[in-house]
């Protein structure tokens, strides 16, 4: 997967700190909407800098699509699956309100692995970005 980023500063060992604009599912056409509240926000990350990009330079960064798909599955699929398992497994346990409560609790339980992985990834910096080319002329 490729994204546009801005080099913030040069780090040691051939790495650079980059600011990657946060995208939303709506296509990030903020001039038309501005309803999501994330306009202008970005995520700071470190990236391998084999091209020697300098601070302030706009660059194209690449990361493993396989790694991102695993993260997406963890964040979206696990809570949904556990919600459904909680709802259908609690059939016959009492009122419908109890089934909903168990399903909602299962959903939040499904969010725990995503939180744990997120904290581990922040600590280790395991999302691997590589600067592949410069957009500056």
Protein backbone atom coordinates (compact mmCIF):
# COMPACT_ATOMS: atom_id res chain seq x y z
CA UNK A 1 0.00 0.00 0.00
CA UNK A 2 1.35 3.44 -0.86
CA UNK A 3 0.56 6.77 0.77
CA UNK A 4 1.74 10.34 0.56
CA UNK A 5 3.66 11.64 3.58
CA UNK A 6 5.80 14.57 4.66
CA UNK A 7 9.27 14.08 6.11
CA UNK A 8 9.39 15.76 9.53
CA UNK A 9 12.98 15.06 10.57
CA UNK A 10 15.88 12.73 9.89
CA UNK A 11 16.51 10.00 12.46
CA UNK A 12 19.53 7.79 12.96
CA UNK A 13 20.30 4.60 10.99
CA UNK A 14 18.86 5.81 7.68
CA UNK A 15 15.40 6.43 9.12
CA UNK A 16 13.14 9.47 8.85
CA UNK A 17 10.16 10.58 10.90
CA UNK A 18 7.19 11.07 8.58
CA UNK A 19 3.72 12.56 8.99
CA UNK A 20 1.10 10.45 7.22
CA UNK A 21 -2.28 12.18 6.78
CA UNK A 22 -5.09 10.24 8.40
CA UNK A 23 -7.63 9.09 5.82
CA UNK A 24 -11.27 8.32 6.38
CA UNK A 25 -13.66 5.95 4.66
CA UNK A 26 -15.51 8.86 3.06
CA UNK A 27 -12.64 9.62 0.67
CA UNK A 28 -11.40 12.55 2.75
CA UNK A 29 -13.07 15.21 0.60
CA UNK A 30 -13.19 17.66 3.51
CA UNK A 31 -14.04 20.67 1.37
CA UNK A 32 -17.41 19.06 0.71
CA UNK A 33 -18.17 17.72 4.19
CA UNK A 34 -15.89 18.34 7.19
CA UNK A 35 -18.27 16.18 9.21
CA UNK A 36 -15.82 13.60 10.53
CA UNK A 37 -13.73 15.92 12.68
CA UNK A 38 -10.35 14.57 11.58
CA UNK A 39 -9.55 17.23 9.04
CA UNK A 40 -5.84 17.94 8.97
CA UNK A 41 -4.79 15.27 11.45
CA UNK A 42 -1.83 13.04 10.76
CA UNK A 43 0.03 10.10 12.26
CA UNK A 44 3.76 10.27 13.00
CA UNK A 45 5.79 7.19 12.09
CA UNK A 46 9.34 6.26 11.23
CA UNK A 47 10.31 5.10 7.76
CA UNK A 48 13.38 3.73 6.06
CA UNK A 49 14.90 6.53 3.99
CA UNK A 50 16.91 4.91 1.16
CA UNK A 51 16.42 7.91 -1.17
CA UNK A 52 17.83 10.48 1.28
CA UNK A 53 14.69 12.57 1.65
CA UNK A 54 15.04 15.78 3.68
CA UNK A 55 12.71 17.46 6.20
CA UNK A 56 9.72 19.17 4.60
CA UNK A 57 9.84 16.99 1.49
CA UNK A 58 6.65 15.29 0.25
CA UNK A 59 7.28 11.61 -0.40
CA UNK A 60 5.54 8.40 -1.35
CA UNK A 61 5.82 5.74 1.37
CA UNK A 62 5.04 2.07 1.02
CA UNK A 63 4.08 -0.51 3.61
CA UNK A 64 3.18 -4.18 3.50
CA UNK A 65 -0.40 -4.67 2.34
CA UNK A 66 -0.45 -8.06 4.02
CA UNK A 67 0.41 -6.52 7.39
CA UNK A 68 -2.29 -3.85 7.01
CA UNK A 69 -4.92 -6.43 6.03
CA UNK A 70 -4.10 -8.39 9.18
CA UNK A 71 -4.56 -5.26 11.28
CA UNK A 72 -7.84 -4.45 9.52
CA UNK A 73 -9.13 -7.99 10.13
CA UNK A 74 -8.19 -7.75 13.80
CA UNK A 75 -9.84 -4.36 14.31
CA UNK A 76 -13.06 -4.97 12.36
CA UNK A 77 -13.67 -8.71 12.10
CA UNK A 78 -12.86 -10.03 15.58
CA UNK A 79 -15.29 -7.72 17.48
CA UNK A 80 -18.06 -8.36 14.94
CA UNK A 81 -17.61 -12.14 15.04
CA UNK A 82 -17.55 -12.16 18.84
CA UNK A 83 -20.69 -9.99 18.92
CA UNK A 84 -22.52 -12.53 16.77
CA UNK A 85 -21.15 -15.50 18.74
CA UNK A 86 -22.20 -13.85 22.00
CA UNK A 87 -25.69 -13.17 20.68
CA UNK A 88 -26.38 -16.59 19.18
CA UNK A 89 -24.63 -18.59 21.93
CA UNK A 90 -26.78 -16.91 24.59
CA UNK A 91 -30.04 -18.15 23.07
CA UNK A 92 -32.28 -19.59 25.75
CA UNK A 93 -30.37 -17.92 28.61
CA UNK A 94 -33.17 -15.56 29.51
CA UNK A 95 -34.57 -12.33 28.18
CA UNK A 96 -33.65 -10.67 24.93
CA UNK A 97 -32.07 -7.83 26.91
CA UNK A 98 -29.65 -10.31 28.47
CA UNK A 99 -28.73 -11.60 25.00
CA UNK A 100 -28.01 -8.05 23.86
CA UNK A 101 -25.89 -7.40 26.95
CA UNK A 102 -23.86 -10.57 26.36
CA UNK A 103 -23.42 -9.68 22.68
CA UNK A 104 -22.25 -6.15 23.51
CA UNK A 105 -19.87 -7.46 26.19
CA UNK A 106 -18.50 -9.95 23.63
CA UNK A 107 -18.00 -7.11 21.15
CA UNK A 108 -15.93 -5.12 23.64
CA UNK A 109 -14.01 -8.25 24.57
CA UNK A 110 -13.19 -8.57 20.86
CA UNK A 111 -11.66 -5.08 20.92
CA UNK A 112 -9.06 -6.08 23.54
CA UNK A 113 -6.74 -7.89 21.07
CA UNK A 114 -6.74 -4.80 18.83
CA UNK A 115 -5.86 -2.57 21.80
CA UNK A 116 -3.05 -4.91 22.87
CA UNK A 117 -1.61 -5.13 19.35
CA UNK A 118 -1.87 -1.34 18.94
CA UNK A 119 0.09 -0.72 22.13
CA UNK A 120 2.71 -3.29 21.17
CA UNK A 121 3.08 -1.78 17.69
CA UNK A 122 3.47 1.73 19.13
CA UNK A 123 6.14 0.45 21.49
CA UNK A 124 8.09 -1.52 18.88
CA UNK A 125 7.29 0.58 15.78
CA UNK A 126 6.48 -2.57 13.84
CA UNK A 127 4.60 -0.97 10.95
CA UNK A 128 7.37 -0.80 8.39
CA UNK A 129 7.24 2.20 6.09
CA UNK A 130 9.77 2.73 3.31
CA UNK A 131 10.17 5.97 1.40
CA UNK A 132 10.09 4.93 -2.25
CA UNK A 133 10.19 8.27 -4.09
CA UNK A 134 9.99 12.02 -3.71
CA UNK A 135 7.13 14.16 -4.95
CA UNK A 136 9.20 17.36 -4.83
CA UNK A 137 10.45 18.67 -8.12
